[in-house]
């Protein structure tokens, strides 16, 4: 049957949603689009600094703005890339939240439920998965102090089903280019 003879009533809901294009909520991650220089800190369980490092973070839209892909690369003391993590993000109208998946280079894939929502000028993410020993690990990530050319990010982790939280990492990202990509 030619595409022109398909009635709107016969289009499956997931196809109809896709055909509408990117949702207005997709703009909630606009602040991340571009290239960033990152000053990052990892923390010990007692809250003291474990180490500090520099990183590069690059984010772009995919599929006509329906998804975002970002690539986070940690750098060693001589500027070489020592690890990388790719994240895919899409807003789901069905769940009314951000759905995400990520994978670190040269690492085993982790089965993690990862989602987020925008609230009061912050992007709030929650993840839950199992560590190699099979214990549930919960993580909260927060993007905050979001400006056109900078933002802050913080990660906390719970190993006791959310009864207590440990700050594990923090970073400050500064835009590399003098303009937001949408202004070019």
Foldseek 3Di string as FASTA:
>chain_A
DDPVPDDPVPDDPVVVVVVVPADPQLCVCLLQAAKWKKWKFFADQVGHTPDIFIKIKHKDAPDRSQKMKMKIFTADPVGHTDKIKIKIWGQDPVVRWIFMAMDIPPDDGWDKGKIWDDDDQKIKMKIWGADPVRQIKIKIKMWHPRDNFKIKMWMWMDRPVPPDIGTTMIMMIGHPDPHRPVVD
